[in-house]
Protein backbone atom coordinates (compact mmCIF):
# COMPACT_ATOMS: atom_id res chain seq x y z
CA UNK A 1 -1.52 -11.25 -26.83
CA UNK A 2 -2.50 -7.83 -26.15
CA UNK A 3 -5.61 -7.71 -28.55
CA UNK A 4 -6.61 -11.23 -27.38
CA UNK A 5 -6.53 -9.97 -23.69
CA UNK A 6 -8.11 -6.45 -24.81
CA UNK A 7 -11.02 -8.55 -26.15
CA UNK A 8 -11.00 -11.38 -23.22
CA UNK A 9 -11.89 -8.27 -20.95
CA UNK A 10 -14.93 -7.50 -23.11
CA UNK A 11 -16.39 -11.28 -22.39
CA UNK A 12 -20.10 -11.00 -20.13
CA UNK A 13 -19.68 -12.96 -16.85
CA UNK A 14 -22.09 -16.65 -16.64
CA UNK A 15 -25.12 -14.37 -16.47
CA UNK A 16 -24.22 -11.99 -19.93
CA UNK A 17 -23.77 -9.46 -17.74
CA UNK A 18 -20.60 -8.04 -16.20
CA UNK A 19 -19.62 -9.28 -12.46
CA UNK A 20 -20.56 -7.30 -10.11
CA UNK A 21 -17.78 -6.50 -6.95
CA UNK A 22 -18.76 -5.18 -3.57
CA UNK A 23 -15.02 -4.11 -3.05
CA UNK A 24 -14.14 -2.68 -0.03
CA UNK A 25 -12.49 -0.40 -0.85
CA UNK A 26 -14.07 0.79 -4.09
CA UNK A 27 -12.05 3.67 -4.23
CA UNK A 28 -8.88 3.56 -2.90
CA UNK A 29 -6.02 3.90 -5.98
CA UNK A 30 -5.17 0.48 -5.50
CA UNK A 31 -8.42 -1.21 -6.44
CA UNK A 32 -9.61 1.62 -8.55
CA UNK A 33 -6.18 1.19 -10.96
CA UNK A 34 -7.32 -3.11 -10.66
CA UNK A 35 -10.10 -1.69 -13.40
CA UNK A 36 -9.42 -1.50 -17.10
CA UNK A 37 -8.91 1.52 -18.22
CA UNK A 38 -11.38 1.78 -20.71
CA UNK A 39 -13.70 -0.13 -17.82
CA UNK A 40 -15.03 -2.93 -20.45
CA UNK A 41 -13.35 -5.82 -18.66
CA UNK A 42 -16.43 -7.25 -17.38
CA UNK A 43 -16.70 -5.84 -14.48
CA UNK A 44 -18.42 -3.35 -12.35
CA UNK A 45 -17.45 -2.36 -8.07
CA UNK A 46 -19.70 -1.01 -6.04
CA UNK A 47 -18.98 2.58 -5.19
CA UNK A 48 -18.23 2.84 -1.62
CA UNK A 49 -21.04 3.99 0.85
CA UNK A 50 -20.66 6.63 2.65
CA UNK A 51 -19.64 6.29 6.81
CA UNK A 52 -21.85 8.02 8.98
CA UNK A 53 -20.70 11.96 9.80
CA UNK A 54 -18.92 12.20 5.50
CA UNK A 55 -19.68 14.96 3.36
CA UNK A 56 -22.02 14.68 0.86
CA UNK A 57 -18.57 15.71 -1.94
CA UNK A 58 -16.59 13.62 0.12
CA UNK A 59 -14.20 10.42 -1.24
CA UNK A 60 -13.86 9.27 2.60
CA UNK A 61 -14.28 5.51 2.52
CA UNK A 62 -12.96 4.64 6.43
CA UNK A 63 -14.96 2.86 8.22
CA UNK A 64 -15.59 0.92 5.62
CA UNK A 65 -19.64 0.85 5.66
CA UNK A 66 -20.20 -2.28 3.31
CA UNK A 67 -18.19 -4.65 6.39
CA UNK A 68 -21.54 -4.59 8.47
CA UNK A 69 -23.66 -7.40 8.28
CA UNK A 70 -26.56 -5.45 7.75
CA UNK A 71 -25.48 -3.85 4.87
CA UNK A 72 -24.16 -6.94 3.38
CA UNK A 73 -28.10 -8.14 3.54
CA UNK A 74 -29.93 -4.46 2.31
CA UNK A 75 -27.45 -5.42 -0.79
CA UNK A 76 -27.38 -8.88 -1.66
CA UNK A 77 -29.11 -8.44 -4.83
CA UNK A 78 -26.51 -5.70 -5.57
CA UNK A 79 -24.07 -7.48 -6.15
CA UNK A 80 -22.28 -11.53 -6.88
CA UNK A 81 -18.35 -11.28 -5.23
CA UNK A 82 -17.51 -9.67 -2.01
CA UNK A 83 -13.61 -8.37 -2.32
CA UNK A 84 -12.27 -7.56 0.81
CA UNK A 85 -9.01 -5.54 0.59
CA UNK A 86 -8.48 -3.94 3.71
CA UNK A 87 -9.72 -1.15 5.63
CA UNK A 88 -11.14 -4.05 8.49
CA UNK A 89 -8.00 -2.84 11.07
CA UNK A 90 -11.39 -1.71 13.90
CA UNK A 91 -13.60 -5.24 12.91
CA UNK A 92 -13.20 -7.65 15.55
CA UNK A 93 -12.32 -11.52 14.79
CA UNK A 94 -16.41 -11.94 16.72
CA UNK A 95 -17.26 -9.29 14.18
CA UNK A 96 -15.48 -10.90 11.15
CA UNK A 97 -16.73 -14.23 11.76
CA UNK A 98 -20.03 -12.62 11.55
CA UNK A 99 -19.61 -11.09 8.35
CA UNK A 100 -18.37 -14.39 6.80
CA UNK A 101 -21.12 -16.56 8.19
CA UNK A 102 -23.68 -13.32 6.83
CA UNK A 103 -22.18 -13.68 2.96
CA UNK A 104 -22.09 -17.45 3.07
CA UNK A 105 -26.01 -17.97 4.05
CA UNK A 106 -26.89 -15.03 0.97
CA UNK A 107 -24.34 -17.14 -1.24
CA UNK A 108 -22.22 -14.31 -1.98
CA UNK A 109 -18.73 -15.94 -2.29
CA UNK A 110 -15.52 -13.94 -0.62
CA UNK A 111 -12.01 -12.86 -2.60
CA UNK A 112 -9.46 -11.42 -0.14
CA UNK A 113 -6.64 -9.90 -1.31
CA UNK A 114 -3.81 -10.52 1.50
CA UNK A 115 -2.32 -7.10 1.69
CA UNK A 116 -0.68 -7.01 4.90
CA UNK A 117 0.21 -10.49 7.30
CA UNK A 118 1.42 -7.85 9.84
CA UNK A 119 -0.86 -4.31 9.89
CA UNK A 120 1.11 -1.78 10.24
CA UNK A 121 -1.28 0.16 12.01
CA UNK A 122 -1.27 -2.25 14.89
CA UNK A 123 1.32 -2.14 17.88
CA UNK A 124 1.36 -6.03 18.10
CA UNK A 125 0.78 -8.71 16.02
CA UNK A 126 -1.87 -10.64 17.88
CA UNK A 127 -5.22 -9.15 16.78
CA UNK A 128 -4.19 -9.12 13.36
CA UNK A 129 -3.54 -12.86 13.15
CA UNK A 130 -7.12 -13.04 14.92
CA UNK A 131 -8.33 -12.08 12.13
CA UNK A 132 -6.62 -13.82 9.11
CA UNK A 133 -7.47 -16.87 10.51
CA UNK A 134 -11.27 -15.96 9.88
CA UNK A 135 -10.72 -14.28 6.65
CA UNK A 136 -8.01 -16.80 5.19
CA UNK A 137 -9.55 -20.15 5.16
CA UNK A 138 -12.85 -18.47 5.32
CA UNK A 139 -12.11 -16.88 1.23
CA UNK A 140 -13.31 -18.87 -1.98
CA UNK A 141 -10.28 -16.51 -3.60
CA UNK A 142 -7.27 -15.56 -2.39
CA UNK A 143 -4.97 -13.25 -3.48
CA UNK A 144 -1.49 -11.60 -2.23
CA UNK A 145 1.24 -9.74 -4.15
CA UNK A 146 4.48 -11.49 -3.77
CA UNK A 147 5.68 -14.89 -4.30
CA UNK A 148 7.13 -14.48 -0.34
CA UNK A 149 3.14 -13.69 1.33
CA UNK A 150 1.66 -16.37 -0.96
CA UNK A 151 4.30 -18.74 0.91
CA UNK A 152 3.76 -17.90 4.21
CA UNK A 153 -0.03 -18.28 3.45
CA UNK A 154 0.63 -21.97 2.44
CA UNK A 155 2.79 -22.18 5.71
CA UNK A 156 0.02 -20.77 7.91
CA UNK A 157 -3.10 -22.06 6.16
CA UNK A 158 -2.25 -24.38 4.12
CA UNK A 159 -3.86 -22.43 1.50
CA UNK A 160 -2.94 -21.30 -2.09
CA UNK A 161 -2.65 -17.35 -2.79
CA UNK A 162 -2.69 -16.22 -6.27
CA UNK A 163 0.42 -13.88 -6.79
CA UNK A 164 -0.56 -10.62 -8.81
CA UNK A 165 1.35 -7.77 -8.65
CA UNK A 166 0.65 -4.30 -7.17
CA UNK A 167 -0.70 -1.76 -10.01
CA UNK A 168 1.14 1.13 -10.84
CA UNK A 169 -0.26 3.98 -7.71
CA UNK A 170 0.92 7.25 -10.46
CA UNK A 171 -1.60 7.95 -13.32
CA UNK A 172 -0.55 6.48 -16.04
CA UNK A 173 0.20 10.11 -18.24
CA UNK A 174 3.07 10.92 -15.39
CA UNK A 175 4.49 7.38 -15.38
CA UNK A 176 7.08 8.52 -17.82
CA UNK A 177 7.02 12.24 -16.76
CA UNK A 178 10.52 13.50 -17.10
CA UNK A 179 12.41 13.86 -13.84
CA UNK A 180 13.35 17.96 -12.50
CA UNK A 181 16.65 18.34 -12.87
CA UNK A 182 18.95 19.39 -10.01
CA UNK A 183 21.97 19.29 -8.15
CA UNK A 184 23.04 17.63 -5.13
CA UNK A 185 21.47 14.17 -3.31
CA UNK A 186 18.70 14.02 -1.56
CA UNK A 187 18.08 11.92 1.06
CA UNK A 188 14.42 11.70 2.40
CA UNK A 189 12.53 10.34 5.43
CA UNK A 190 8.73 11.10 5.40
CA UNK A 191 7.37 10.38 9.21
CA UNK A 192 3.90 10.88 8.35
CA UNK A 193 2.18 10.51 11.50
CA UNK A 194 4.37 7.76 13.29
CA UNK A 195 2.45 4.95 12.40
CA UNK A 196 3.05 1.84 14.64
CA UNK A 197 5.49 0.45 12.16
CA UNK A 198 8.03 3.43 12.05
CA UNK A 199 10.79 4.32 13.98
CA UNK A 200 12.05 6.77 12.27
CA UNK A 201 14.73 8.60 14.47
CA UNK A 202 17.17 5.82 14.62
CA UNK A 203 17.01 5.43 11.09
CA UNK A 204 17.84 9.87 10.85
CA UNK A 205 20.87 9.00 13.31
CA UNK A 206 22.25 6.61 10.71
CA UNK A 207 21.12 8.75 7.72
CA UNK A 208 22.52 12.23 9.49
CA UNK A 209 25.88 11.30 10.26
CA UNK A 210 26.28 9.53 6.51
CA UNK A 211 25.28 12.19 4.82
CA UNK A 212 27.50 14.32 5.92
CA UNK A 213 30.08 12.96 4.98
CA UNK A 214 29.03 13.07 1.30
CA UNK A 215 29.40 15.85 -0.78
CA UNK A 216 26.74 17.83 -2.08
CA UNK A 217 24.31 15.37 -0.18
CA UNK A 218 21.26 16.73 2.51
CA UNK A 219 18.40 14.75 4.80
CA UNK A 220 15.45 16.10 4.21
CA UNK A 221 12.35 15.09 7.03
CA UNK A 222 9.23 14.91 6.82
CA UNK A 223 6.19 14.58 9.31
CA UNK A 224 2.61 15.47 9.89
CA UNK A 225 1.91 18.46 12.54
CA UNK A 226 -0.69 16.17 14.46
CA UNK A 227 2.69 14.48 16.03
CA UNK A 228 2.76 17.61 17.99
CA UNK A 229 -1.00 18.24 19.02
CA UNK A 230 -1.27 17.71 22.50
CA UNK A 231 -5.15 16.12 21.52
CA UNK A 232 -3.67 14.24 18.51
CA UNK A 233 -3.94 10.56 18.91
CA UNK A 234 -0.43 10.55 17.49
CA UNK A 235 0.87 13.00 19.65
CA UNK A 236 4.29 12.50 20.23
CA UNK A 237 6.47 15.13 21.81
CA UNK A 238 9.80 14.44 21.88
CA UNK A 239 10.12 13.05 18.66
CA UNK A 240 9.07 16.40 17.32
CA UNK A 241 11.69 17.82 20.63
CA UNK A 242 14.48 16.14 18.59
CA UNK A 243 13.63 16.34 15.13
CA UNK A 244 13.47 19.99 15.54
CA UNK A 245 16.84 20.12 18.04
CA UNK A 246 18.72 18.00 14.92
CA UNK A 247 17.50 20.80 12.39
CA UNK A 248 18.33 23.92 14.22
CA UNK A 249 22.23 22.08 14.53
CA UNK A 250 21.74 21.38 10.66
CA UNK A 251 21.49 17.88 10.39
CA UNK A 252 18.63 17.96 8.65
CA UNK A 253 15.70 20.24 7.00
CA UNK A 254 12.88 19.46 8.71
CA UNK A 255 9.03 20.60 6.63
CA UNK A 256 6.23 19.83 8.91
CA UNK A 257 3.15 19.69 7.19
CA UNK A 258 -0.49 18.51 6.37
CA UNK A 259 -1.13 15.27 4.36
CA UNK A 260 0.24 16.09 0.88
CA UNK A 261 -2.16 16.37 -2.75
CA UNK A 262 -1.47 13.55 -4.63
CA UNK A 263 0.19 16.20 -6.54
CA UNK A 264 2.10 17.34 -4.08
CA UNK A 265 3.40 13.90 -3.13
CA UNK A 266 4.75 13.24 -6.60
CA UNK A 267 6.50 16.09 -6.98
CA UNK A 268 7.50 15.35 -3.37
CA UNK A 269 9.08 12.30 -4.02
CA UNK A 270 10.57 13.71 -7.65
CA UNK A 271 12.71 16.05 -5.64
CA UNK A 272 14.44 13.11 -3.96
CA UNK A 273 17.31 10.93 -5.11
CA UNK A 274 16.63 8.48 -2.25
CA UNK A 275 13.30 7.68 -0.18
CA UNK A 276 13.89 5.47 2.71
CA UNK A 277 11.49 4.21 4.68
CA UNK A 278 12.06 3.21 8.26
CA UNK A 279 9.98 0.17 8.65
CA UNK A 280 10.11 -1.84 11.60
CA UNK A 281 7.68 -4.67 10.29
CA UNK A 282 4.77 -4.60 7.30
CA UNK A 283 4.82 -6.97 4.33
CA UNK A 284 3.64 -4.35 1.25
CA UNK A 285 4.13 -0.94 0.68
CA UNK A 286 2.21 1.50 -2.05
CA UNK A 287 4.78 4.20 -1.16
CA UNK A 288 7.60 2.34 -2.55
CA UNK A 289 4.76 1.54 -6.15
CA UNK A 290 4.45 5.40 -6.38
CA UNK A 291 8.58 5.53 -6.53
CA UNK A 292 8.84 2.79 -8.37
CA UNK A 293 6.40 4.77 -10.92
CA UNK A 294 8.36 8.32 -10.33
CA UNK A 295 11.80 6.85 -10.73
CA UNK A 296 13.34 7.65 -7.14
CA UNK A 297 15.01 4.76 -5.45
CA UNK A 298 13.80 3.47 -1.87
CA UNK A 299 15.81 2.23 0.70
CA UNK A 300 13.50 -0.18 2.95
CA UNK A 301 14.23 -2.48 5.96
CA UNK A 302 14.40 -6.36 5.27
CA UNK A 303 11.04 -6.83 7.26
CA UNK A 304 8.48 -7.45 5.13
CA UNK A 305 8.69 -8.58 0.62
CA UNK A 306 9.21 -5.54 -0.43
CA UNK A 307 11.70 -6.39 -2.39
CA UNK A 308 9.94 -8.68 -3.73
CA UNK A 309 7.56 -5.50 -5.17
CA UNK A 310 10.22 -3.83 -7.45
CA UNK A 311 13.78 -3.33 -7.07
CA UNK A 312 14.99 -1.51 -4.17
CA UNK A 313 17.92 -1.03 -2.02
CA UNK A 314 17.40 -2.82 1.45
CA UNK A 315 18.93 -3.41 4.99
CA UNK A 316 18.10 -5.01 8.08
CA UNK A 317 15.58 -3.04 10.61
CA UNK A 318 13.02 -4.48 12.65
CA UNK A 319 11.31 -4.06 16.43
CA UNK A 320 14.59 -5.34 18.11
CA UNK A 321 17.66 -3.65 15.95
CA UNK A 322 18.98 -1.81 12.88
CA UNK A 323 21.52 -2.47 11.25
CA UNK A 324 23.45 0.65 11.04
CA UNK A 325 25.93 -0.29 8.87
CA UNK A 326 23.60 -1.88 6.56
CA UNK A 327 21.86 1.19 6.19
CA UNK A 328 25.19 3.47 5.86
CA UNK A 329 26.05 0.64 2.54
CA UNK A 330 22.56 1.24 1.06
CA UNK A 331 22.74 5.06 1.07
CA UNK A 332 26.58 4.87 -0.20
CA UNK A 333 25.66 2.43 -2.51
CA UNK A 334 22.64 5.04 -4.07
CA UNK A 335 24.62 8.11 -4.25
CA UNK A 336 27.44 6.34 -5.75
CA UNK A 337 25.52 4.52 -8.73
CA UNK A 338 22.27 6.18 -8.95
CA UNK A 339 20.42 3.21 -9.62
CA UNK A 340 17.94 4.02 -12.33
CA UNK A 341 14.72 2.16 -11.37
CA UNK A 342 11.60 3.24 -13.83
CA UNK A 343 8.45 1.59 -14.82
CA UNK A 344 7.78 2.01 -18.24
CA UNK A 345 4.51 3.19 -19.05
CA UNK A 346 3.85 0.81 -21.91
CA UNK A 347 4.77 -1.89 -19.37
CA UNK A 348 2.60 -0.47 -16.64
CA UNK A 349 -0.52 -0.43 -18.48
CA UNK A 350 -0.43 -3.66 -20.14
CA UNK A 351 0.05 -5.18 -16.35
CA UNK A 352 -3.36 -3.10 -15.89
CA UNK A 353 -4.67 -4.99 -18.66
CA UNK A 354 -3.44 -7.93 -17.26
CA UNK A 355 -4.79 -6.82 -13.82
CA UNK A 356 -8.27 -6.78 -15.08
CA UNK A 357 -7.89 -9.84 -16.63
CA UNK A 358 -6.75 -11.59 -13.68
CA UNK A 359 -9.14 -10.41 -11.55
CA UNK A 360 -12.28 -11.19 -13.29
CA UNK A 361 -11.02 -14.26 -14.22
CA UNK A 362 -10.87 -15.00 -9.96
CA UNK A 363 -13.95 -13.47 -9.48
CA UNK A 364 -15.80 -16.62 -12.35
CA UNK A 365 -14.20 -19.07 -10.44
CA UNK A 366 -15.39 -17.83 -6.91
CA UNK A 367 -18.88 -17.73 -8.48
CA UNK A 368 -18.25 -21.47 -9.53
């Protein structure tokens, strides 16, 4: 079956050449891992154009240049299909309408992967919903990551979205790497830069109390330094004051640092026995997928469709309230049971081949 799939991957597009895709973005790990490992999937994706001001050697793709209708017109001869994933946070619905109209005029089908039904970077739902009201009806083909998200798409827009799982995040060579031996039990919360869908302090309160009652357990909290930078958009001095006070009292270990490199992130995740995601809204999670690749159990709120992605522990947490008892139970369950939920590198590789084949078929359907 795998051999047949691999033969199919090498089949060219209808005119004898690979399908050329303008993917927004192309360099993100999710998109990179949709391609066949040997590149022989009959699909080529354009490289991300450098945003204005980005250094020549930079891999930065945001803000995406491909979302500019002028870019689409100028490069219409370079691609067959336009595939939008994310990166349109700052685009107004009117601007997206212009993009959609331009693609339609040029005969370039739009494929849209619905990663987010609620944007984790927007404080309220309205703007993203207006953006989706433009993109979802206009797409020739829709993809999403979980059955629950597909149901929501069908309920709201009457459209069918193909359900294709999130690919591996960690490179396949590292998916099976051994977890480091250690004693004790480390619960981790990474507050990052306090993006709008996070409410870490109530979660940390419950975790500190719970961990204190578990022999050998400790709580580690990580956060980015821009949270205490008065010139930063993410400035939240009350949060840092609170965390520093708790660290001084011995309730937690506080680590303030810049963004992890991929290697540092993966080492950090493998140093945890439980990663707790303090989300109050959202849809899907690449962090959860990285934890699955590395064998780190996750506890995450039930506000999105995280539990449909990979095995995890859930607790109730939304913009109105946190179920403290449910979170305590999740932590104690992880402590007592030590669940082993880990991706198999062979299965992840097979999944990637299947995803590459499924995306190629999606592009061919969109081209008609």
